[in-house]
Amino acid sequence: METSTTRQKPTQLPSTQGPLAAVDPLDAVGPAFSRLRRASALNVESPVSRKDMTRTLVLNIVDEGPEHDGQEITVGVVAERLAVDPSVASRMVTDCISAGYLIRAASQQDGRRTILQMTDEGLAMLAAFRRHQRAAFEFITRDWPDDERQQLARLLIKYVDSVAQAQSASAHS
């Protein structure tokens, strides 16, 4: 049993605000990502509806395209990348199609399969959402030194790239 004399004191985060301030930074990463996801709809320019938040999840997957040669973006790929049931992904895709952001097209590899393609409206919606995300990032970090803003941006991109590499490695093992 651990006593107070053997327990290590948690490292303080740079911020002294919020419930994660006194937690070891490595233990706080998961909860921080959860809080970040919940706060992603921050109203900076104009409100982002829940429906549009959901649509951008699908549109980003279609925009990112295949992860490997021979892969086409289908409802099944959307379901896999979002870690949702195929019926949920199908409803999400159908909503994007109804909104005019996606179209279904025949696969060039297998004419029986349907793939998803972005429309001009979908590209415009995704571009507007990305502008919103940038404005939110700039608003949230407005008091930060520019080098810290740039460093966070680079590290987030590096983290996401590492996640993709880890997923690819586990898929091939």
C-alpha atoms as a PDB file:
ATOM      1  CA  MET A   1       0.000   0.000   0.000  1.00  0.00           C
ATOM      2  CA  GLU A   2       1.267   3.406  -0.956  1.00  0.00           C
ATOM      3  CA  THR A   3       1.649   6.034   1.734  1.00  0.00           C
ATOM      4  CA  SER A   4       1.806   9.772   1.392  1.00  0.00           C
ATOM      5  CA  THR A   5       5.557   9.666   2.004  1.00  0.00           C
ATOM      6  CA  THR A   6       6.181   7.335  -0.956  1.00  0.00           C
ATOM      7  CA  ARG A   7       3.720   8.901  -3.397  1.00  0.00           C
ATOM      8  CA  GLN A   8       5.230  11.261  -5.946  1.00  0.00           C
ATOM      9  CA  LYS A   9       3.769  14.708  -6.209  1.00  0.00           C
ATOM     10  CA  PRO A  10       2.054  15.301  -9.571  1.00  0.00           C
ATOM     11  CA  THR A  11       3.726  17.627 -12.016  1.00  0.00           C
ATOM     12  CA  GLN A  12       1.940  20.923 -12.498  1.00  0.00           C
ATOM     13  CA  LEU A  13       0.755  21.830 -15.983  1.00  0.00           C
ATOM     14  CA  PRO A  14       1.608  25.324 -17.193  1.00  0.00           C
ATOM     15  CA  SER A  15      -2.029  26.301 -16.596  1.00  0.00           C
ATOM     16  CA  THR A  16      -3.338  26.510 -13.057  1.00  0.00           C
ATOM     17  CA  GLN A  17      -6.951  26.439 -14.220  1.00  0.00           C
ATOM     18  CA  GLY A  18      -9.338  23.565 -14.748  1.00  0.00           C
ATOM     19  CA  PRO A  19      -9.638  20.051 -13.394  1.00  0.00           C
ATOM     20  CA  LEU A  20      -6.427  18.803 -15.060  1.00  0.00           C
ATOM     21  CA  ALA A  21      -4.108  21.463 -13.654  1.00  0.00           C
ATOM     22  CA  ALA A  22      -2.627  19.286 -10.875  1.00  0.00           C
ATOM     23  CA  VAL A  23      -2.458  16.048 -12.867  1.00  0.00           C
ATOM     24  CA  ASP A  24       0.685  14.548 -14.369  1.00  0.00           C
ATOM     25  CA  PRO A  25       0.649  15.839 -17.985  1.00  0.00           C
ATOM     26  CA  LEU A  26       0.873  12.337 -19.455  1.00  0.00           C
ATOM     27  CA  ASP A  27      -2.140  11.252 -17.388  1.00  0.00           C
ATOM     28  CA  ALA A  28      -4.009  14.378 -18.465  1.00  0.00           C
ATOM     29  CA  VAL A  29      -3.643  13.840 -22.236  1.00  0.00           C
ATOM     30  CA  GLY A  30      -6.668  11.550 -22.629  1.00  0.00           C
ATOM     31  CA  PRO A  31      -9.066  13.712 -20.629  1.00  0.00           C
ATOM     32  CA  ALA A  32      -7.687  16.795 -22.399  1.00  0.00           C
ATOM     33  CA  PHE A  33      -8.501  15.279 -25.797  1.00  0.00           C
ATOM     34  CA  SER A  34     -12.025  14.518 -24.564  1.00  0.00           C
ATOM     35  CA  ARG A  35     -12.489  18.099 -23.410  1.00  0.00           C
ATOM     36  CA  LEU A  36     -11.050  19.359 -26.690  1.00  0.00           C
ATOM     37  CA  ARG A  37     -13.544  17.299 -28.702  1.00  0.00           C
ATOM     38  CA  ARG A  38     -16.455  18.621 -26.647  1.00  0.00           C
ATOM     39  CA  ALA A  39     -15.274  22.208 -27.156  1.00  0.00           C
ATOM     40  CA  SER A  40     -14.656  21.900 -30.902  1.00  0.00           C
ATOM     41  CA  ALA A  41     -17.852  23.752 -31.788  1.00  0.00           C
ATOM     42  CA  LEU A  42     -16.639  26.998 -30.217  1.00  0.00           C
ATOM     43  CA  ASN A  43     -18.559  29.840 -31.828  1.00  0.00           C
ATOM     44  CA  VAL A  44     -15.916  32.149 -33.233  1.00  0.00           C
ATOM     45  CA  GLU A  45     -17.306  33.373 -36.553  1.00  0.00           C
ATOM     46  CA  SER A  46     -20.759  31.869 -36.629  1.00  0.00           C
ATOM     47  CA  PRO A  47     -22.327  28.928 -34.828  1.00  0.00           C
ATOM     48  CA  VAL A  48     -21.590  25.429 -36.133  1.00  0.00           C
ATOM     49  CA  SER A  49     -24.585  23.133 -35.815  1.00  0.00           C
ATOM     50  CA  ARG A  50     -24.262  19.571 -34.543  1.00  0.00           C
ATOM     51  CA  LYS A  51     -25.433  18.387 -37.939  1.00  0.00           C
ATOM     52  CA  ASP A  52     -22.625  20.315 -39.654  1.00  0.00           C
ATOM     53  CA  MET A  53     -20.100  18.990 -37.107  1.00  0.00           C
ATOM     54  CA  THR A  54     -21.176  15.455 -38.006  1.00  0.00           C
ATOM     55  CA  ARG A  55     -21.121  16.220 -41.713  1.00  0.00           C
ATOM     56  CA  THR A  56     -17.550  17.495 -41.516  1.00  0.00           C
ATOM     57  CA  LEU A  57     -16.447  14.190 -39.992  1.00  0.00           C
ATOM     58  CA  VAL A  58     -17.680  12.408 -43.113  1.00  0.00           C
ATOM     59  CA  LEU A  59     -16.453  15.081 -45.525  1.00  0.00           C
ATOM     60  CA  ASN A  60     -12.958  15.014 -44.028  1.00  0.00           C
ATOM     61  CA  ILE A  61     -12.757  11.247 -44.596  1.00  0.00           C
ATOM     62  CA  VAL A  62     -13.818  11.590 -48.226  1.00  0.00           C
ATOM     63  CA  ASP A  63     -11.408  14.514 -48.675  1.00  0.00           C
ATOM     64  CA  GLU A  64      -8.495  12.597 -47.106  1.00  0.00           C
ATOM     65  CA  GLY A  65      -9.055   9.799 -49.599  1.00  0.00           C
ATOM     66  CA  PRO A  66      -7.622   6.308 -49.640  1.00  0.00           C
ATOM     67  CA  GLU A  67      -5.114   5.164 -47.023  1.00  0.00           C
ATOM     68  CA  HIS A  68      -3.538   2.660 -49.414  1.00  0.00           C
ATOM     69  CA  ASP A  69      -3.446   1.744 -53.094  1.00  0.00           C
ATOM     70  CA  GLY A  70      -6.627   0.174 -54.336  1.00  0.00           C
ATOM     71  CA  GLN A  71      -8.811   1.549 -51.548  1.00  0.00           C
ATOM     72  CA  GLU A  72     -11.858   3.558 -52.514  1.00  0.00           C
ATOM     73  CA  ILE A  73     -13.947   5.649 -50.166  1.00  0.00           C
ATOM     74  CA  THR A  74     -17.173   3.793 -49.447  1.00  0.00           C
ATOM     75  CA  VAL A  75     -19.701   3.857 -46.636  1.00  0.00           C
ATOM     76  CA  GLY A  76     -17.768   0.934 -45.147  1.00  0.00           C
ATOM     77  CA  VAL A  77     -14.558   2.970 -45.083  1.00  0.00           C
ATOM     78  CA  VAL A  78     -16.404   5.860 -43.426  1.00  0.00           C
ATOM     79  CA  ALA A  79     -17.762   3.451 -40.786  1.00  0.00           C
ATOM     80  CA  GLU A  80     -14.315   1.979 -40.174  1.00  0.00           C
ATOM     81  CA  ARG A  81     -12.547   5.332 -39.821  1.00  0.00           C
ATOM     82  CA  LEU A  82     -15.231   6.759 -37.539  1.00  0.00           C
ATOM     83  CA  ALA A  83     -15.445   3.492 -35.564  1.00  0.00           C
ATOM     84  CA  VAL A  84     -19.219   3.386 -35.925  1.00  0.00           C
ATOM     85  CA  ASP A  85     -21.679   0.768 -37.089  1.00  0.00           C
ATOM     86  CA  PRO A  86     -22.137   0.668 -40.895  1.00  0.00           C
ATOM     87  CA  SER A  87     -25.821   1.617 -40.494  1.00  0.00           C
ATOM     88  CA  VAL A  88     -24.789   4.763 -38.592  1.00  0.00           C
ATOM     89  CA  ALA A  89     -22.236   5.633 -41.280  1.00  0.00           C
ATOM     90  CA  SER A  90     -24.856   5.033 -43.961  1.00  0.00           C
ATOM     91  CA  ARG A  91     -27.237   7.524 -42.325  1.00  0.00           C
ATOM     92  CA  MET A  92     -24.426  10.066 -41.988  1.00  0.00           C
ATOM     93  CA  VAL A  93     -23.460   9.659 -45.654  1.00  0.00           C
ATOM     94  CA  THR A  94     -27.097   9.861 -46.764  1.00  0.00           C
ATOM     95  CA  ASP A  95     -27.440  13.142 -44.869  1.00  0.00           C
ATOM     96  CA  CYS A  96     -24.356  14.532 -46.638  1.00  0.00           C
ATOM     97  CA  ILE A  97     -25.780  13.457 -49.989  1.00  0.00           C
ATOM     98  CA  SER A  98     -29.165  15.043 -49.186  1.00  0.00           C
ATOM     99  CA  ALA A  99     -27.361  18.268 -48.258  1.00  0.00           C
ATOM    100  CA  GLY A 100     -25.596  18.225 -51.638  1.00  0.00           C
ATOM    101  CA  TYR A 101     -22.098  17.681 -50.211  1.00  0.00           C
ATOM    102  CA  LEU A 102     -21.463  14.181 -51.569  1.00  0.00           C
ATOM    103  CA  ILE A 103     -22.522  12.069 -54.509  1.00  0.00           C
ATOM    104  CA  ARG A 104     -22.492   8.319 -55.000  1.00  0.00           C
ATOM    105  CA  ALA A 105     -20.610   7.047 -58.033  1.00  0.00           C
ATOM    106  CA  ALA A 106     -19.776   3.657 -59.499  1.00  0.00           C
ATOM    107  CA  SER A 107     -16.408   2.216 -58.551  1.00  0.00           C
ATOM    108  CA  GLN A 108     -13.890   2.042 -61.370  1.00  0.00           C
ATOM    109  CA  GLN A 109     -12.509  -1.151 -59.782  1.00  0.00           C
ATOM    110  CA  ASP A 110     -15.835  -2.927 -59.259  1.00  0.00           C
ATOM    111  CA  GLY A 111     -18.939  -1.531 -60.947  1.00  0.00           C
ATOM    112  CA  ARG A 112     -21.164  -3.217 -58.346  1.00  0.00           C
ATOM    113  CA  ARG A 113     -19.662  -1.101 -55.570  1.00  0.00           C
ATOM    114  CA  THR A 114     -20.637   2.499 -54.824  1.00  0.00           C
ATOM    115  CA  ILE A 115     -18.006   5.055 -53.875  1.00  0.00           C
ATOM    116  CA  LEU A 116     -18.345   8.524 -52.422  1.00  0.00           C
ATOM    117  CA  GLN A 117     -17.172  11.712 -54.084  1.00  0.00           C
ATOM    118  CA  MET A 118     -17.184  15.300 -52.880  1.00  0.00           C
ATOM    119  CA  THR A 119     -19.281  17.910 -54.695  1.00  0.00           C
ATOM    120  CA  ASP A 120     -18.288  21.547 -55.140  1.00  0.00           C
ATOM    121  CA  GLU A 121     -20.756  22.366 -52.339  1.00  0.00           C
ATOM    122  CA  GLY A 122     -19.047  19.802 -50.113  1.00  0.00           C
ATOM    123  CA  LEU A 123     -15.625  21.281 -50.836  1.00  0.00           C
ATOM    124  CA  ALA A 124     -16.954  24.770 -50.049  1.00  0.00           C
ATOM    125  CA  MET A 125     -18.550  23.588 -46.800  1.00  0.00           C
ATOM    126  CA  LEU A 126     -15.337  21.853 -45.719  1.00  0.00           C
ATOM    127  CA  ALA A 127     -13.273  24.943 -46.572  1.00  0.00           C
ATOM    128  CA  ALA A 128     -15.634  27.121 -44.498  1.00  0.00           C
ATOM    129  CA  PHE A 129     -15.395  24.705 -41.571  1.00  0.00           C
ATOM    130  CA  ARG A 130     -11.596  24.714 -41.766  1.00  0.00           C
ATOM    131  CA  ARG A 131     -11.624  28.519 -41.701  1.00  0.00           C
ATOM    132  CA  HIS A 132     -13.816  28.270 -38.608  1.00  0.00           C
ATOM    133  CA  GLN A 133     -11.369  25.826 -36.999  1.00  0.00           C
ATOM    134  CA  ARG A 134      -8.455  28.142 -37.702  1.00  0.00           C
ATOM    135  CA  ALA A 135     -10.346  31.124 -36.295  1.00  0.00           C
ATOM    136  CA  ALA A 136     -11.166  29.095 -33.169  1.00  0.00           C
ATOM    137  CA  PHE A 137      -7.501  28.069 -32.773  1.00  0.00           C
ATOM    138  CA  GLU A 138      -6.359  31.665 -33.190  1.00  0.00           C
ATOM    139  CA  PHE A 139      -8.995  32.906 -30.736  1.00  0.00           C
ATOM    140  CA  ILE A 140      -8.162  30.294 -28.100  1.00  0.00           C
ATOM    141  CA  THR A 141      -4.418  30.903 -28.383  1.00  0.00           C
ATOM    142  CA  ARG A 142      -4.669  34.665 -28.889  1.00  0.00           C
ATOM    143  CA  ASP A 143      -2.596  35.389 -25.777  1.00  0.00           C
ATOM    144  CA  TRP A 144       0.085  32.810 -26.601  1.00  0.00           C
ATOM    145  CA  PRO A 145       3.455  33.703 -28.097  1.00  0.00           C
ATOM    146  CA  ASP A 146       3.520  32.921 -31.828  1.00  0.00           C
ATOM    147  CA  ASP A 147       6.252  30.303 -31.410  1.00  0.00           C
ATOM    148  CA  GLU A 148       4.050  28.363 -28.950  1.00  0.00           C
ATOM    149  CA  ARG A 149       1.094  28.495 -31.363  1.00  0.00           C
ATOM    150  CA  GLN A 150       3.277  27.190 -34.179  1.00  0.00           C
ATOM    151  CA  GLN A 151       4.795  24.519 -31.936  1.00  0.00           C
ATOM    152  CA  LEU A 152       1.378  23.253 -30.835  1.00  0.00           C
ATOM    153  CA  ALA A 153       0.196  23.122 -34.446  1.00  0.00           C
ATOM    154  CA  ARG A 154       3.304  21.179 -35.533  1.00  0.00           C
ATOM    155  CA  LEU A 155       3.055  18.767 -32.591  1.00  0.00           C
ATOM    156  CA  LEU A 156      -0.653  18.102 -33.169  1.00  0.00           C
ATOM    157  CA  ILE A 157       0.050  17.287 -36.809  1.00  0.00           C
ATOM    158  CA  LYS A 158       2.976  15.075 -35.783  1.00  0.00           C
ATOM    159  CA  TYR A 159       0.740  13.307 -33.240  1.00  0.00           C
ATOM    160  CA  VAL A 160      -2.002  12.655 -35.806  1.00  0.00           C
ATOM    161  CA  ASP A 161       0.574  11.357 -38.310  1.00  0.00           C
ATOM    162  CA  SER A 162       1.966   9.030 -35.622  1.00  0.00           C
ATOM    163  CA  VAL A 163      -1.537   7.746 -34.854  1.00  0.00           C
ATOM    164  CA  ALA A 164      -1.989   6.912 -38.540  1.00  0.00           C
ATOM    165  CA  GLN A 165       1.369   5.108 -38.631  1.00  0.00           C
ATOM    166  CA  ALA A 166       0.485   3.119 -35.508  1.00  0.00           C
ATOM    167  CA  GLN A 167      -2.882   2.142 -36.991  1.00  0.00           C
ATOM    168  CA  SER A 168      -1.217   1.081 -40.217  1.00  0.00           C
ATOM    169  CA  ALA A 169       1.397  -0.967 -38.379  1.00  0.00           C
ATOM    170  CA  SER A 170      -1.229  -2.732 -36.250  1.00  0.00           C
ATOM    171  CA  ALA A 171      -3.327  -3.475 -39.347  1.00  0.00           C
ATOM    172  CA  HIS A 172      -0.341  -5.177 -40.987  1.00  0.00           C
ATOM    173  CA  SER A 173       0.625  -7.291 -37.971  1.00  0.00           C
END
